[in-house]
Amino acid sequence: MAVKEKFDTLTERMNTNPEHLGSTNILYTFDLSGEEEGTYHLHIKDQSATYSESVEEESDITLIMKDKDFIKLSEGNLNPTMAYMSGKLKIKGDLGKAMKLQTLLNHYA
C-alpha cells in the first residue's frame, strides 16, 4: 500500500502548491516490480496532478523500476540520474521529461 500512499502524498503536495508545475503537460507511467508491482500513471496537466492505475492515453515517458526504489525516489532518497546510470531505473521515452520529474520531485518530495 506504500506506493499508492506515495502517489497520494505526491499529488496532494502538487495540487496544494502548484506553482512549480508551471505549464507542464506530461503523462508519466511507472512500471513497478516487487511486492506492489503494477502500472501507475501520474498525469500533470493545467497545474494539476492526478494518478491512476489505468489510463487510456499513451504516456509521454515510462519509468521502469522496483517499487522500493520508487518509494526512495519519491522521498528524495534516490537520485534519479544515479539510479538510471546504475540500472535501477530504466526509461522509455524522452529523457528531458525524466529530468523534469527529477526537478518536480526536488520540490515536492
PDB file of N, CA and C in Angstrom:
ATOM      1  N   MET A   1       0.819  -1.203   0.000  1.00  0.00           N
ATOM      2  CA  MET A   1       0.000   0.000   0.000  1.00  0.00           C
ATOM      3  C   MET A   1       0.858   1.260   0.000  1.00  0.00           C
ATOM      4  N   ALA A   2       2.136   1.128   0.247  1.00  0.00           N
ATOM      5  CA  ALA A   2       3.012   2.295   0.346  1.00  0.00           C
ATOM      6  C   ALA A   2       3.123   3.048  -0.973  1.00  0.00           C
ATOM      7  N   VAL A   3       3.095   2.355  -2.092  1.00  0.00           N
ATOM      8  CA  VAL A   3       3.216   3.020  -3.390  1.00  0.00           C
ATOM      9  C   VAL A   3       2.022   3.939  -3.611  1.00  0.00           C
ATOM     10  N   LYS A   4       0.821   3.433  -3.376  1.00  0.00           N
ATOM     11  CA  LYS A   4      -0.379   4.262  -3.560  1.00  0.00           C
ATOM     12  C   LYS A   4      -0.368   5.451  -2.602  1.00  0.00           C
ATOM     13  N   GLU A   5       0.084   5.230  -1.382  1.00  0.00           N
ATOM     14  CA  GLU A   5       0.177   6.330  -0.418  1.00  0.00           C
ATOM     15  C   GLU A   5       1.167   7.389  -0.899  1.00  0.00           C
ATOM     16  N   LYS A   6       2.279   6.969  -1.497  1.00  0.00           N
ATOM     17  CA  LYS A   6       3.267   7.918  -2.013  1.00  0.00           C
ATOM     18  C   LYS A   6       2.679   8.733  -3.153  1.00  0.00           C
ATOM     19  N   PHE A   7       1.920   8.072  -4.040  1.00  0.00           N
ATOM     20  CA  PHE A   7       1.270   8.815  -5.122  1.00  0.00           C
ATOM     21  C   PHE A   7       0.231   9.785  -4.558  1.00  0.00           C
ATOM     22  N   ASP A   8      -0.525   9.347  -3.549  1.00  0.00           N
ATOM     23  CA  ASP A   8      -1.495  10.246  -2.902  1.00  0.00           C
ATOM     24  C   ASP A   8      -0.798  11.467  -2.323  1.00  0.00           C
ATOM     25  N   THR A   9       0.276  11.242  -1.593  1.00  0.00           N
ATOM     26  CA  THR A   9       1.015  12.331  -0.962  1.00  0.00           C
ATOM     27  C   THR A   9       1.612  13.265  -2.009  1.00  0.00           C
ATOM     28  N   LEU A  10       2.211  12.688  -3.027  1.00  0.00           N
ATOM     29  CA  LEU A  10       2.856  13.481  -4.069  1.00  0.00           C
ATOM     30  C   LEU A  10       1.835  14.350  -4.808  1.00  0.00           C
ATOM     31  N   THR A  11       0.727  13.760  -5.225  1.00  0.00           N
ATOM     32  CA  THR A  11      -0.275  14.541  -5.956  1.00  0.00           C
ATOM     33  C   THR A  11      -0.930  15.580  -5.056  1.00  0.00           C
ATOM     34  N   GLU A  12      -1.125  15.255  -3.788  1.00  0.00           N
ATOM     35  CA  GLU A  12      -1.685  16.232  -2.855  1.00  0.00           C
ATOM     36  C   GLU A  12      -0.761  17.437  -2.702  1.00  0.00           C
ATOM     37  N   ARG A  13       0.533  17.174  -2.557  1.00  0.00           N
ATOM     38  CA  ARG A  13       1.506  18.273  -2.437  1.00  0.00           C
ATOM     39  C   ARG A  13       1.537  19.120  -3.703  1.00  0.00           C
ATOM     40  N   MET A  14       1.476  18.477  -4.855  1.00  0.00           N
ATOM     41  CA  MET A  14       1.488  19.211  -6.121  1.00  0.00           C
ATOM     42  C   MET A  14       0.242  20.074  -6.270  1.00  0.00           C
ATOM     43  N   ASN A  15      -0.903  19.529  -5.901  1.00  0.00           N
ATOM     44  CA  ASN A  15      -2.159  20.258  -6.056  1.00  0.00           C
ATOM     45  C   ASN A  15      -2.331  21.355  -5.009  1.00  0.00           C
ATOM     46  N   THR A  16      -1.729  21.176  -3.842  1.00  0.00           N
ATOM     47  CA  THR A  16      -1.795  22.194  -2.799  1.00  0.00           C
ATOM     48  C   THR A  16      -0.909  23.386  -3.143  1.00  0.00           C
ATOM     49  N   ASN A  17       0.205  23.121  -3.790  1.00  0.00           N
ATOM     50  CA  ASN A  17       1.176  24.162  -4.114  1.00  0.00           C
ATOM     51  C   ASN A  17       1.634  23.980  -5.572  1.00  0.00           C
ATOM     52  N   PRO A  18       0.771  24.318  -6.558  1.00  0.00           N
ATOM     53  CA  PRO A  18       1.072  24.003  -7.959  1.00  0.00           C
ATOM     54  C   PRO A  18       2.044  24.942  -8.656  1.00  0.00           C
ATOM     55  N   GLU A  19       2.593  25.911  -7.942  1.00  0.00           N
ATOM     56  CA  GLU A  19       3.441  26.909  -8.599  1.00  0.00           C
ATOM     57  C   GLU A  19       4.634  26.307  -9.343  1.00  0.00           C
ATOM     58  N   HIS A  20       5.134  25.157  -8.903  1.00  0.00           N
ATOM     59  CA  HIS A  20       6.296  24.547  -9.554  1.00  0.00           C
ATOM     60  C   HIS A  20       5.909  23.698 -10.768  1.00  0.00           C
ATOM     61  N   LEU A  21       4.615  23.470 -10.959  1.00  0.00           N
ATOM     62  CA  LEU A  21       4.167  22.660 -12.094  1.00  0.00           C
ATOM     63  C   LEU A  21       4.229  23.447 -13.396  1.00  0.00           C
ATOM     64  N   GLY A  22       4.077  24.767 -13.288  1.00  0.00           N
ATOM     65  CA  GLY A  22       4.146  25.622 -14.466  1.00  0.00           C
ATOM     66  C   GLY A  22       3.199  25.159 -15.551  1.00  0.00           C
ATOM     67  N   SER A  23       3.682  25.125 -16.775  1.00  0.00           N
ATOM     68  CA  SER A  23       2.852  24.720 -17.911  1.00  0.00           C
ATOM     69  C   SER A  23       3.102  23.260 -18.292  1.00  0.00           C
ATOM     70  N   THR A  24       3.612  22.495 -17.346  1.00  0.00           N
ATOM     71  CA  THR A  24       3.918  21.085 -17.595  1.00  0.00           C
ATOM     72  C   THR A  24       2.669  20.328 -18.030  1.00  0.00           C
ATOM     73  N   ASN A  25       2.811  19.542 -19.073  1.00  0.00           N
ATOM     74  CA  ASN A  25       1.739  18.660 -19.536  1.00  0.00           C
ATOM     75  C   ASN A  25       2.395  17.339 -19.919  1.00  0.00           C
ATOM     76  N   ILE A  26       2.536  16.457 -18.930  1.00  0.00           N
ATOM     77  CA  ILE A  26       3.232  15.184 -19.132  1.00  0.00           C
ATOM     78  C   ILE A  26       2.453  14.065 -18.458  1.00  0.00           C
ATOM     79  N   LEU A  27       2.364  12.943 -19.143  1.00  0.00           N
ATOM     80  CA  LEU A  27       1.793  11.731 -18.563  1.00  0.00           C
ATOM     81  C   LEU A  27       2.940  10.750 -18.340  1.00  0.00           C
ATOM     82  N   TYR A  28       3.277  10.542 -17.062  1.00  0.00           N
ATOM     83  CA  TYR A  28       4.329   9.603 -16.673  1.00  0.00           C
ATOM     84  C   TYR A  28       3.701   8.244 -16.383  1.00  0.00           C
ATOM     85  N   THR A  29       4.335   7.189 -16.845  1.00  0.00           N
ATOM     86  CA  THR A  29       3.927   5.834 -16.487  1.00  0.00           C
ATOM     87  C   THR A  29       5.064   5.218 -15.678  1.00  0.00           C
ATOM     88  N   PHE A  30       4.702   4.640 -14.549  1.00  0.00           N
ATOM     89  CA  PHE A  30       5.659   3.951 -13.691  1.00  0.00           C
ATOM     90  C   PHE A  30       5.323   2.472 -13.744  1.00  0.00           C
ATOM     91  N   ASP A  31       6.217   1.696 -14.304  1.00  0.00           N
ATOM     92  CA  ASP A  31       6.055   0.245 -14.397  1.00  0.00           C
ATOM     93  C   ASP A  31       6.887  -0.347 -13.264  1.00  0.00           C
ATOM     94  N   LEU A  32       6.212  -0.697 -12.176  1.00  0.00           N
ATOM     95  CA  LEU A  32       6.909  -1.119 -10.963  1.00  0.00           C
ATOM     96  C   LEU A  32       6.860  -2.627 -10.777  1.00  0.00           C
ATOM     97  N   SER A  33       7.973  -3.176 -10.292  1.00  0.00           N
ATOM     98  CA  SER A  33       8.044  -4.588  -9.937  1.00  0.00           C
ATOM     99  C   SER A  33       8.258  -4.681  -8.433  1.00  0.00           C
ATOM    100  N   GLY A  34       8.037  -5.856  -7.878  1.00  0.00           N
ATOM    101  CA  GLY A  34       8.206  -6.049  -6.443  1.00  0.00           C
ATOM    102  C   GLY A  34       6.885  -6.392  -5.780  1.00  0.00           C
ATOM    103  N   GLU A  35       6.803  -6.180  -4.479  1.00  0.00           N
ATOM    104  CA  GLU A  35       5.606  -6.535  -3.717  1.00  0.00           C
ATOM    105  C   GLU A  35       4.368  -5.788  -4.179  1.00  0.00           C
ATOM    106  N   GLU A  36       4.547  -4.537  -4.600  1.00  0.00           N
ATOM    107  CA  GLU A  36       3.415  -3.733  -5.054  1.00  0.00           C
ATOM    108  C   GLU A  36       3.501  -3.480  -6.555  1.00  0.00           C
ATOM    109  N   GLU A  37       3.869  -4.532  -7.282  1.00  0.00           N
ATOM    110  CA  GLU A  37       4.056  -4.363  -8.712  1.00  0.00           C
ATOM    111  C   GLU A  37       2.760  -3.917  -9.366  1.00  0.00           C
ATOM    112  N   GLY A  38       2.935  -3.167 -10.420  1.00  0.00           N
ATOM    113  CA  GLY A  38       1.789  -2.667 -11.166  1.00  0.00           C
ATOM    114  C   GLY A  38       2.216  -1.505 -12.036  1.00  0.00           C
ATOM    115  N   THR A  39       1.255  -0.996 -12.759  1.00  0.00           N
ATOM    116  CA  THR A  39       1.498   0.147 -13.624  1.00  0.00           C
ATOM    117  C   THR A  39       0.703   1.314 -13.082  1.00  0.00           C
ATOM    118  N   TYR A  40       1.396   2.383 -12.806  1.00  0.00           N
ATOM    119  CA  TYR A  40       0.806   3.580 -12.221  1.00  0.00           C
ATOM    120  C   TYR A  40       1.064   4.756 -13.148  1.00  0.00           C
ATOM    121  N   HIS A  41       0.101   5.651 -13.218  1.00  0.00           N
ATOM    122  CA  HIS A  41       0.210   6.790 -14.122  1.00  0.00           C
ATOM    123  C   HIS A  41       0.079   8.083 -13.333  1.00  0.00           C
ATOM    124  N   LEU A  42       1.001   8.993 -13.566  1.00  0.00           N
ATOM    125  CA  LEU A  42       0.982  10.317 -12.957  1.00  0.00           C
ATOM    126  C   LEU A  42       0.807  11.314 -14.087  1.00  0.00           C
ATOM    127  N   HIS A  43      -0.328  12.017 -14.069  1.00  0.00           N
ATOM    128  CA  HIS A  43      -0.630  12.979 -15.132  1.00  0.00           C
ATOM    129  C   HIS A  43      -0.558  14.385 -14.550  1.00  0.00           C
ATOM    130  N   ILE A  44       0.320  15.167 -15.111  1.00  0.00           N
ATOM    131  CA  ILE A  44       0.467  16.563 -14.706  1.00  0.00           C
ATOM    132  C   ILE A  44       0.010  17.417 -15.879  1.00  0.00           C
ATOM    133  N   LYS A  45      -1.043  18.200 -15.628  1.00  0.00           N
ATOM    134  CA  LYS A  45      -1.636  18.996 -16.700  1.00  0.00           C
ATOM    135  C   LYS A  45      -2.399  20.155 -16.079  1.00  0.00           C
ATOM    136  N   ASP A  46      -2.284  21.324 -16.680  1.00  0.00           N
ATOM    137  CA  ASP A  46      -3.029  22.508 -16.241  1.00  0.00           C
ATOM    138  C   ASP A  46      -2.820  22.801 -14.759  1.00  0.00           C
ATOM    139  N   GLN A  47      -1.574  22.730 -14.310  1.00  0.00           N
ATOM    140  CA  GLN A  47      -1.184  22.980 -12.920  1.00  0.00           C
ATOM    141  C   GLN A  47      -1.968  22.101 -11.935  1.00  0.00           C
ATOM    142  N   SER A  48      -2.153  20.861 -12.335  1.00  0.00           N
ATOM    143  CA  SER A  48      -2.851  19.886 -11.510  1.00  0.00           C
ATOM    144  C   SER A  48      -2.202  18.519 -11.713  1.00  0.00           C
ATOM    145  N   ALA A  49      -2.249  17.683 -10.688  1.00  0.00           N
ATOM    146  CA  ALA A  49      -1.659  16.346 -10.776  1.00  0.00           C
ATOM    147  C   ALA A  49      -2.673  15.299 -10.322  1.00  0.00           C
ATOM    148  N   THR A  50      -2.767  14.236 -11.081  1.00  0.00           N
ATOM    149  CA  THR A  50      -3.619  13.105 -10.725  1.00  0.00           C
ATOM    150  C   THR A  50      -2.831  11.828 -10.984  1.00  0.00           C
ATOM    151  N   TYR A  51      -3.221  10.757 -10.290  1.00  0.00           N
ATOM    152  CA  TYR A  51      -2.610   9.461 -10.595  1.00  0.00           C
ATOM    153  C   TYR A  51      -3.705   8.419 -10.670  1.00  0.00           C
ATOM    154  N   SER A  52      -3.427   7.378 -11.424  1.00  0.00           N
ATOM    155  CA  SER A  52      -4.376   6.270 -11.544  1.00  0.00           C
ATOM    156  C   SER A  52      -3.607   5.009 -11.897  1.00  0.00           C
ATOM    157  N   GLU A  53      -4.311   3.914 -11.824  1.00  0.00           N
ATOM    158  CA  GLU A  53      -3.702   2.645 -12.220  1.00  0.00           C
ATOM    159  C   GLU A  53      -4.162   2.223 -13.606  1.00  0.00           C
ATOM    160  N   SER A  54      -5.016   3.027 -14.204  1.00  0.00           N
ATOM    161  CA  SER A  54      -5.421   2.759 -15.581  1.00  0.00           C
ATOM    162  C   SER A  54      -5.535   4.093 -16.307  1.00  0.00           C
ATOM    163  N   VAL A  55      -5.154   4.077 -17.535  1.00  0.00           N
ATOM    164  CA  VAL A  55      -5.213   5.298 -18.329  1.00  0.00           C
ATOM    165  C   VAL A  55      -5.447   4.889 -19.782  1.00  0.00           C
ATOM    166  N   GLU A  56      -6.179   5.718 -20.499  1.00  0.00           N
ATOM    167  CA  GLU A  56      -6.494   5.375 -21.885  1.00  0.00           C
ATOM    168  C   GLU A  56      -5.621   6.116 -22.878  1.00  0.00           C
ATOM    169  N   GLU A  57      -4.782   7.029 -22.387  1.00  0.00           N
ATOM    170  CA  GLU A  57      -3.882   7.769 -23.264  1.00  0.00           C
ATOM    171  C   GLU A  57      -2.510   7.099 -23.292  1.00  0.00           C
ATOM    172  N   GLU A  58      -1.753   7.401 -24.322  1.00  0.00           N
ATOM    173  CA  GLU A  58      -0.382   6.913 -24.396  1.00  0.00           C
ATOM    174  C   GLU A  58       0.493   7.843 -23.559  1.00  0.00           C
ATOM    175  N   SER A  59       1.345   7.255 -22.737  1.00  0.00           N
ATOM    176  CA  SER A  59       2.183   8.090 -21.870  1.00  0.00           C
ATOM    177  C   SER A  59       3.325   8.714 -22.661  1.00  0.00           C
ATOM    178  N   ASP A  60       3.846   9.814 -22.105  1.00  0.00           N
ATOM    179  CA  ASP A  60       4.970  10.506 -22.715  1.00  0.00           C
ATOM    180  C   ASP A  60       6.281   9.808 -22.387  1.00  0.00           C
ATOM    181  N   ILE A  61       6.310   9.163 -21.222  1.00  0.00           N
ATOM    182  CA  ILE A  61       7.542   8.522 -20.763  1.00  0.00           C
ATOM    183  C   ILE A  61       7.187   7.398 -19.795  1.00  0.00           C
ATOM    184  N   THR A  62       7.926   6.319 -19.852  1.00  0.00           N
ATOM    185  CA  THR A  62       7.731   5.196 -18.935  1.00  0.00           C
ATOM    186  C   THR A  62       9.003   4.993 -18.133  1.00  0.00           C
ATOM    187  N   LEU A  63       8.829   4.920 -16.824  1.00  0.00           N
ATOM    188  CA  LEU A  63       9.945   4.666 -15.918  1.00  0.00           C
ATOM    189  C   LEU A  63       9.755   3.274 -15.334  1.00  0.00           C
ATOM    190  N   ILE A  64      10.758   2.434 -15.468  1.00  0.00           N
ATOM    191  CA  ILE A  64      10.685   1.045 -15.024  1.00  0.00           C
ATOM    192  C   ILE A  64      11.650   0.878 -13.856  1.00  0.00           C
ATOM    193  N   MET A  65      11.104   0.430 -12.710  1.00  0.00           N
ATOM    194  CA  MET A  65      11.930   0.269 -11.516  1.00  0.00           C
ATOM    195  C   MET A  65      11.217  -0.629 -10.511  1.00  0.00           C
ATOM    196  N   LYS A  66      11.916  -0.953  -9.435  1.00  0.00           N
ATOM    197  CA  LYS A  66      11.317  -1.704  -8.340  1.00  0.00           C
ATOM    198  C   LYS A  66      10.478  -0.756  -7.488  1.00  0.00           C
ATOM    199  N   ASP A  67       9.450  -1.303  -6.862  1.00  0.00           N
ATOM    200  CA  ASP A  67       8.580  -0.473  -6.027  1.00  0.00           C
ATOM    201  C   ASP A  67       9.350   0.203  -4.893  1.00  0.00           C
ATOM    202  N   LYS A  68      10.310  -0.501  -4.317  1.00  0.00           N
ATOM    203  CA  LYS A  68      11.091   0.079  -3.215  1.00  0.00           C
ATOM    204  C   LYS A  68      11.947   1.245  -3.699  1.00  0.00           C
ATOM    205  N   ASP A  69      12.440   1.149  -4.923  1.00  0.00           N
ATOM    206  CA  ASP A  69      13.210   2.258  -5.479  1.00  0.00           C
ATOM    207  C   ASP A  69      12.303   3.451  -5.780  1.00  0.00           C
ATOM    208  N   PHE A  70      11.066   3.182  -6.190  1.00  0.00           N
ATOM    209  CA  PHE A  70      10.123   4.286  -6.397  1.00  0.00           C
ATOM    210  C   PHE A  70       9.863   5.027  -5.086  1.00  0.00           C
ATOM    211  N   ILE A  71       9.697   4.285  -4.011  1.00  0.00           N
ATOM    212  CA  ILE A  71       9.475   4.909  -2.697  1.00  0.00           C
ATOM    213  C   ILE A  71      10.650   5.822  -2.360  1.00  0.00           C
ATOM    214  N   LYS A  72      11.859   5.313  -2.532  1.00  0.00           N
ATOM    215  CA  LYS A  72      13.055   6.122  -2.251  1.00  0.00           C
ATOM    216  C   LYS A  72      13.099   7.354  -3.153  1.00  0.00           C
ATOM    217  N   LEU A  73      12.771   7.169  -4.418  1.00  0.00           N
ATOM    218  CA  LEU A  73      12.768   8.277  -5.373  1.00  0.00           C
ATOM    219  C   LEU A  73      11.762   9.346  -4.956  1.00  0.00           C
ATOM    220  N   SER A  74      10.569   8.919  -4.589  1.00  0.00           N
ATOM    221  CA  SER A  74       9.511   9.873  -4.232  1.00  0.00           C
ATOM    222  C   SER A  74       9.792  10.593  -2.917  1.00  0.00           C
ATOM    223  N   GLU A  75      10.657  10.031  -2.096  1.00  0.00           N
ATOM    224  CA  GLU A  75      11.024  10.658  -0.826  1.00  0.00           C
ATOM    225  C   GLU A  75      12.291  11.506  -0.954  1.00  0.00           C
ATOM    226  N   GLY A  76      12.885  11.501  -2.136  1.00  0.00           N
ATOM    227  CA  GLY A  76      14.110  12.263  -2.350  1.00  0.00           C
ATOM    228  C   GLY A  76      15.359  11.544  -1.870  1.00  0.00           C
ATOM    229  N   ASN A  77      15.230  10.227  -1.623  1.00  0.00           N
ATOM    230  CA  ASN A  77      16.359   9.442  -1.125  1.00  0.00           C
ATOM    231  C   ASN A  77      17.057   8.618  -2.202  1.00  0.00           C
ATOM    232  N   LEU A  78      16.675   8.828  -3.454  1.00  0.00           N
ATOM    233  CA  LEU A  78      17.315   8.135  -4.570  1.00  0.00           C
ATOM    234  C   LEU A  78      17.477   9.143  -5.693  1.00  0.00           C
ATOM    235  N   ASN A  79      18.693   9.383  -6.086  1.00  0.00           N
ATOM    236  CA  ASN A  79      18.983  10.303  -7.167  1.00  0.00           C
ATOM    237  C   ASN A  79      18.622   9.617  -8.490  1.00  0.00           C
ATOM    238  N   PRO A  80      17.685  10.189  -9.255  1.00  0.00           N
ATOM    239  CA  PRO A  80      17.262   9.534 -10.493  1.00  0.00           C
ATOM    240  C   PRO A  80      18.391   9.336 -11.499  1.00  0.00           C
ATOM    241  N   THR A  81      19.298  10.279 -11.588  1.00  0.00           N
ATOM    242  CA  THR A  81      20.410  10.146 -12.534  1.00  0.00           C
ATOM    243  C   THR A  81      21.290   8.964 -12.157  1.00  0.00           C
ATOM    244  N   MET A  82      21.609   8.864 -10.869  1.00  0.00           N
ATOM    245  CA  MET A  82      22.436   7.746 -10.413  1.00  0.00           C
ATOM    246  C   MET A  82      21.683   6.419 -10.557  1.00  0.00           C
ATOM    247  N   ALA A  83      20.380   6.429 -10.285  1.00  0.00           N
ATOM    248  CA  ALA A  83      19.579   5.212 -10.434  1.00  0.00           C
ATOM    249  C   ALA A  83      19.580   4.760 -11.894  1.00  0.00           C
ATOM    250  N   TYR A  84      19.478   5.701 -12.804  1.00  0.00           N
ATOM    251  CA  TYR A  84      19.496   5.385 -14.235  1.00  0.00           C
ATOM    252  C   TYR A  84      20.849   4.808 -14.639  1.00  0.00           C
ATOM    253  N   MET A  85      21.908   5.454 -14.190  1.00  0.00           N
ATOM    254  CA  MET A  85      23.253   5.014 -14.566  1.00  0.00           C
ATOM    255  C   MET A  85      23.608   3.660 -13.958  1.00  0.00           C
ATOM    256  N   SER A  86      23.035   3.345 -12.801  1.00  0.00           N
ATOM    257  CA  SER A  86      23.342   2.072 -12.147  1.00  0.00           C
ATOM    258  C   SER A  86      22.382   0.949 -12.555  1.00  0.00           C
ATOM    259  N   GLY A  87      21.387   1.272 -13.382  1.00  0.00           N
ATOM    260  CA  GLY A  87      20.460   0.254 -13.853  1.00  0.00           C
ATOM    261  C   GLY A  87      19.246   0.041 -12.968  1.00  0.00           C
ATOM    262  N   LYS A  88      19.114   0.794 -11.878  1.00  0.00           N
ATOM    263  CA  LYS A  88      17.935   0.672 -11.016  1.00  0.00           C
ATOM    264  C   LYS A  88      16.701   1.290 -11.659  1.00  0.00           C
ATOM    265  N   LEU A  89      16.926   2.177 -12.611  1.00  0.00           N
ATOM    266  CA  LEU A  89      15.849   2.877 -13.301  1.00  0.00           C
ATOM    267  C   LEU A  89      16.077   2.765 -14.795  1.00  0.00           C
ATOM    268  N   LYS A  90      15.055   2.305 -15.496  1.00  0.00           N
ATOM    269  CA  LYS A  90      15.104   2.252 -16.951  1.00  0.00           C
ATOM    270  C   LYS A  90      14.048   3.217 -17.472  1.00  0.00           C
ATOM    271  N   ILE A  91      14.363   3.880 -18.553  1.00  0.00           N
ATOM    272  CA  ILE A  91      13.474   4.904 -19.089  1.00  0.00           C
ATOM    273  C   ILE A  91      13.164   4.599 -20.545  1.00  0.00           C
ATOM    274  N   LYS A  92      11.891   4.668 -20.892  1.00  0.00           N
ATOM    275  CA  LYS A  92      11.451   4.571 -22.280  1.00  0.00           C
ATOM    276  C   LYS A  92      10.782   5.898 -22.606  1.00  0.00           C
ATOM    277  N   GLY A  93      11.401   6.643 -23.491  1.00  0.00           N
ATOM    278  CA  GLY A  93      10.827   7.926 -23.864  1.00  0.00           C
ATOM    279  C   GLY A  93      11.842   9.044 -23.728  1.00  0.00           C
ATOM    280  N   ASP A  94      11.337  10.236 -23.626  1.00  0.00           N
ATOM    281  CA  ASP A  94      12.124  11.469 -23.622  1.00  0.00           C
ATOM    282  C   ASP A  94      12.865  11.660 -22.303  1.00  0.00           C
ATOM    283  N   LEU A  95      14.193  11.633 -22.347  1.00  0.00           N
ATOM    284  CA  LEU A  95      14.998  11.828 -21.133  1.00  0.00           C
ATOM    285  C   LEU A  95      14.796  13.222 -20.543  1.00  0.00           C
ATOM    286  N   GLY A  96      14.480  14.194 -21.372  1.00  0.00           N
ATOM    287  CA  GLY A  96      14.212  15.537 -20.876  1.00  0.00           C
ATOM    288  C   GLY A  96      13.014  15.556 -19.935  1.00  0.00           C
ATOM    289  N   LYS A  97      12.017  14.735 -20.226  1.00  0.00           N
ATOM    290  CA  LYS A  97      10.834  14.656 -19.363  1.00  0.00           C
ATOM    291  C   LYS A  97      11.176  13.928 -18.061  1.00  0.00           C
ATOM    292  N   ALA A  98      12.124  13.019 -18.127  1.00  0.00           N
ATOM    293  CA  ALA A  98      12.590  12.368 -16.899  1.00  0.00           C
ATOM    294  C   ALA A  98      13.297  13.384 -16.013  1.00  0.00           C
ATOM    295  N   MET A  99      14.075  14.267 -16.626  1.00  0.00           N
ATOM    296  CA  MET A  99      14.757  15.310 -15.864  1.00  0.00           C
ATOM    297  C   MET A  99      13.750  16.277 -15.241  1.00  0.00           C
ATOM    298  N   LYS A 100      12.651  16.531 -15.945  1.00  0.00           N
ATOM    299  CA  LYS A 100      11.590  17.391 -15.397  1.00  0.00           C
ATOM    300  C   LYS A 100      10.997  16.738 -14.148  1.00  0.00           C
ATOM    301  N   LEU A 101      10.851  15.421 -14.172  1.00  0.00           N
ATOM    302  CA  LEU A 101      10.344  14.722 -12.995  1.00  0.00           C
ATOM    303  C   LEU A 101      11.294  14.896 -11.823  1.00  0.00           C
ATOM    304  N   GLN A 102      12.582  14.792 -12.084  1.00  0.00           N
ATOM    305  CA  GLN A 102      13.564  14.976 -11.018  1.00  0.00           C
ATOM    306  C   GLN A 102      13.418  16.368 -10.401  1.00  0.00           C
ATOM    307  N   THR A 103      13.249  17.386 -11.226  1.00  0.00           N
ATOM    308  CA  THR A 103      13.064  18.749 -10.727  1.00  0.00           C
ATOM    309  C   THR A 103      11.798  18.844  -9.879  1.00  0.00           C
ATOM    310  N   LEU A 104      10.715  18.236 -10.352  1.00  0.00           N
ATOM    311  CA  LEU A 104       9.454  18.278  -9.596  1.00  0.00           C
ATOM    312  C   LEU A 104       9.595  17.555  -8.253  1.00  0.00           C
ATOM    313  N   LEU A 105      10.248  16.405  -8.269  1.00  0.00           N
ATOM    314  CA  LEU A 105      10.415  15.654  -7.024  1.00  0.00           C
ATOM    315  C   LEU A 105      11.265  16.431  -6.029  1.00  0.00           C
ATOM    316  N   ASN A 106      12.222  17.202  -6.524  1.00  0.00           N
ATOM    317  CA  ASN A 106      13.015  18.034  -5.622  1.00  0.00           C
ATOM    318  C   ASN A 106      12.142  19.050  -4.895  1.00  0.00           C
ATOM    319  N   HIS A 107      11.086  19.511  -5.533  1.00  0.00           N
ATOM    320  CA  HIS A 107      10.179  20.484  -4.910  1.00  0.00           C
ATOM    321  C   HIS A 107       9.148  19.818  -4.001  1.00  0.00           C
ATOM    322  N   TYR A 108       8.711  18.610  -4.377  1.00  0.00           N
ATOM    323  CA  TYR A 108       7.564  18.006  -3.694  1.00  0.00           C
ATOM    324  C   TYR A 108       7.871  16.784  -2.855  1.00  0.00           C
ATOM    325  N   ALA A 109       9.098  16.290  -2.875  1.00  0.00           N
ATOM    326  CA  ALA A 109       9.429  15.072  -2.110  1.00  0.00           C
ATOM    327  C   ALA A 109       9.441  15.353  -0.616  1.00  0.00           C
TER     328      ALA A 109
END
